[in-house]
Amino acid sequence: MGILDSLENNPALRSALGQLGATVLPAVLNEVLGSNNQGGLSAIVAKLQQSGFGDQVKSWLGNGQNLPISADQLRAVLGSDTVRQLAARYNIPVDQIGQILAQELPKAVDQASPEGHLPHTA
């Protein structure tokens, strides 16, 4: 078991991330998914597909298990500046907001696509 595994399985860290996510996640996701800079959920999905994460996106849109995306991969797609600005705005460490977004974005896409595709307004 590596150090990242032990951190990931640390109940205190998971609890803190869970509380942090529950508190600011709706605002952060709304800003990321609805912001003019990112162009909404459909634009983020398109960026992910263009950046080589089509398999992950396909799993999020489908009914099966969602494939993961890492905080670093998501930061590369969204842009480090965007992630840093979100972290600063919500007073959350950059690494934590990246983890939260990487954990919650697949769920958001999954929930927004019950028919297996995003609605045109997403």
Protein backbone atom coordinates (compact mmCIF):
# COMPACT_ATOMS: atom_id res chain seq x y z
CA MET A 1 0.00 0.00 0.00
CA GLY A 2 1.47 3.33 -1.08
CA ILE A 3 1.26 6.61 0.76
CA LEU A 4 -1.51 7.83 -1.53
CA ASP A 5 -3.53 4.72 -0.77
CA SER A 6 -3.17 5.28 2.96
CA LEU A 7 -4.16 8.94 2.60
CA GLU A 8 -7.11 8.02 0.44
CA ASN A 9 -8.29 5.50 3.03
CA ASN A 10 -7.75 7.88 5.96
CA PRO A 11 -11.19 8.36 7.56
CA ALA A 12 -10.33 11.85 8.85
CA LEU A 13 -9.23 13.06 5.40
CA ARG A 14 -12.24 11.47 3.73
CA SER A 15 -14.54 13.08 6.28
CA ALA A 16 -12.94 16.50 5.81
CA LEU A 17 -13.20 16.23 2.04
CA GLY A 18 -16.77 15.04 2.35
CA GLN A 19 -17.75 17.96 4.57
CA LEU A 20 -15.85 20.40 2.40
CA GLY A 21 -17.43 19.00 -0.72
CA ALA A 22 -20.93 19.08 0.70
CA THR A 23 -20.48 22.69 1.74
CA VAL A 24 -19.05 24.23 -1.40
CA LEU A 25 -19.52 21.62 -4.08
CA PRO A 26 -22.83 22.93 -5.45
CA ALA A 27 -21.38 26.43 -5.84
CA VAL A 28 -18.11 25.20 -7.32
CA LEU A 29 -19.77 22.83 -9.79
CA ASN A 30 -22.26 25.50 -10.79
CA GLU A 31 -19.43 27.90 -11.42
CA VAL A 32 -17.33 25.38 -13.35
CA LEU A 33 -20.22 23.91 -15.32
CA GLY A 34 -22.09 27.12 -15.91
CA SER A 35 -19.30 29.62 -16.27
CA ASN A 36 -18.76 31.47 -19.50
CA ASN A 37 -15.08 30.52 -19.36
CA GLN A 38 -15.81 26.80 -19.46
CA GLY A 39 -19.03 26.95 -21.48
CA GLY A 40 -21.15 24.64 -19.35
CA LEU A 41 -21.27 20.90 -18.92
CA SER A 42 -21.45 20.10 -22.64
CA ALA A 43 -18.34 22.19 -23.34
CA ILE A 44 -16.41 20.54 -20.51
CA VAL A 45 -17.43 17.10 -21.79
CA ALA A 46 -16.28 18.11 -25.29
CA LYS A 47 -12.95 19.36 -23.90
CA LEU A 48 -12.46 16.10 -22.03
CA GLN A 49 -13.21 14.07 -25.18
CA GLN A 50 -10.83 16.21 -27.26
CA SER A 51 -8.15 15.77 -24.60
CA GLY A 52 -8.23 11.98 -24.83
CA PHE A 53 -10.70 11.20 -22.05
CA GLY A 54 -13.44 9.87 -24.31
CA ASP A 55 -13.57 6.50 -22.55
CA GLN A 56 -14.16 8.20 -19.20
CA VAL A 57 -16.85 10.48 -20.64
CA LYS A 58 -18.55 7.55 -22.35
CA SER A 59 -18.69 5.70 -19.04
CA TRP A 60 -20.20 8.74 -17.31
CA LEU A 61 -22.87 9.08 -19.99
CA GLY A 62 -23.69 5.40 -19.95
CA ASN A 63 -25.44 3.32 -17.33
CA GLY A 64 -22.41 1.35 -16.19
CA GLN A 65 -19.70 2.16 -13.72
CA ASN A 66 -18.07 5.58 -14.06
CA LEU A 67 -14.39 5.46 -14.95
CA PRO A 68 -12.29 7.78 -12.79
CA ILE A 69 -10.42 10.90 -13.77
CA SER A 70 -7.62 12.27 -11.63
CA ALA A 71 -7.41 15.76 -10.22
CA ASP A 72 -4.29 16.37 -12.34
CA GLN A 73 -6.01 15.21 -15.52
CA LEU A 74 -9.01 17.41 -14.84
CA ARG A 75 -6.78 20.37 -13.99
CA ALA A 76 -4.99 19.90 -17.32
CA VAL A 77 -8.32 20.06 -19.18
CA LEU A 78 -9.93 22.89 -17.21
CA GLY A 79 -6.69 24.81 -16.91
CA SER A 80 -4.58 25.34 -13.82
CA ASP A 81 -5.58 29.00 -13.68
CA THR A 82 -9.28 28.11 -13.50
CA VAL A 83 -8.69 25.60 -10.72
CA ARG A 84 -6.48 28.06 -8.80
CA GLN A 85 -9.11 30.80 -9.14
CA LEU A 86 -11.82 28.47 -7.83
CA ALA A 87 -9.61 27.41 -4.95
CA ALA A 88 -8.87 31.03 -4.05
CA ARG A 89 -12.50 32.10 -4.38
CA TYR A 90 -13.73 29.37 -2.04
CA ASN A 91 -10.63 29.36 0.20
CA ILE A 92 -9.93 25.69 -0.52
CA PRO A 93 -6.47 24.27 -1.14
CA VAL A 94 -5.91 23.63 -4.85
CA ASP A 95 -5.22 19.94 -4.35
CA GLN A 96 -8.47 19.50 -2.42
CA ILE A 97 -10.65 21.30 -4.94
CA GLY A 98 -9.05 19.25 -7.69
CA GLN A 99 -9.89 16.05 -5.81
CA ILE A 100 -13.45 17.16 -5.19
CA LEU A 101 -14.00 18.10 -8.83
CA ALA A 102 -12.45 14.84 -10.04
CA GLN A 103 -14.72 12.91 -7.70
CA GLU A 104 -17.91 14.83 -8.42
CA LEU A 105 -17.72 15.73 -12.13
CA PRO A 106 -18.37 12.13 -13.25
CA LYS A 107 -21.41 12.02 -10.98
CA ALA A 108 -22.66 15.35 -12.33
CA VAL A 109 -22.34 14.17 -15.95
CA ASP A 110 -23.96 10.85 -15.04
CA GLN A 111 -26.92 12.54 -13.36
CA ALA A 112 -27.34 15.04 -16.21
CA SER A 113 -27.48 12.25 -18.81
CA PRO A 114 -30.12 9.69 -17.77
CA GLU A 115 -30.84 8.93 -21.44
CA GLY A 116 -27.14 8.32 -22.18
CA HIS A 117 -26.50 11.77 -23.64
CA LEU A 118 -26.48 15.32 -22.37
CA PRO A 119 -29.48 17.53 -23.04
CA HIS A 120 -28.74 20.40 -25.40
CA THR A 121 -29.11 22.91 -22.56
CA ALA A 122 -26.39 21.34 -20.37
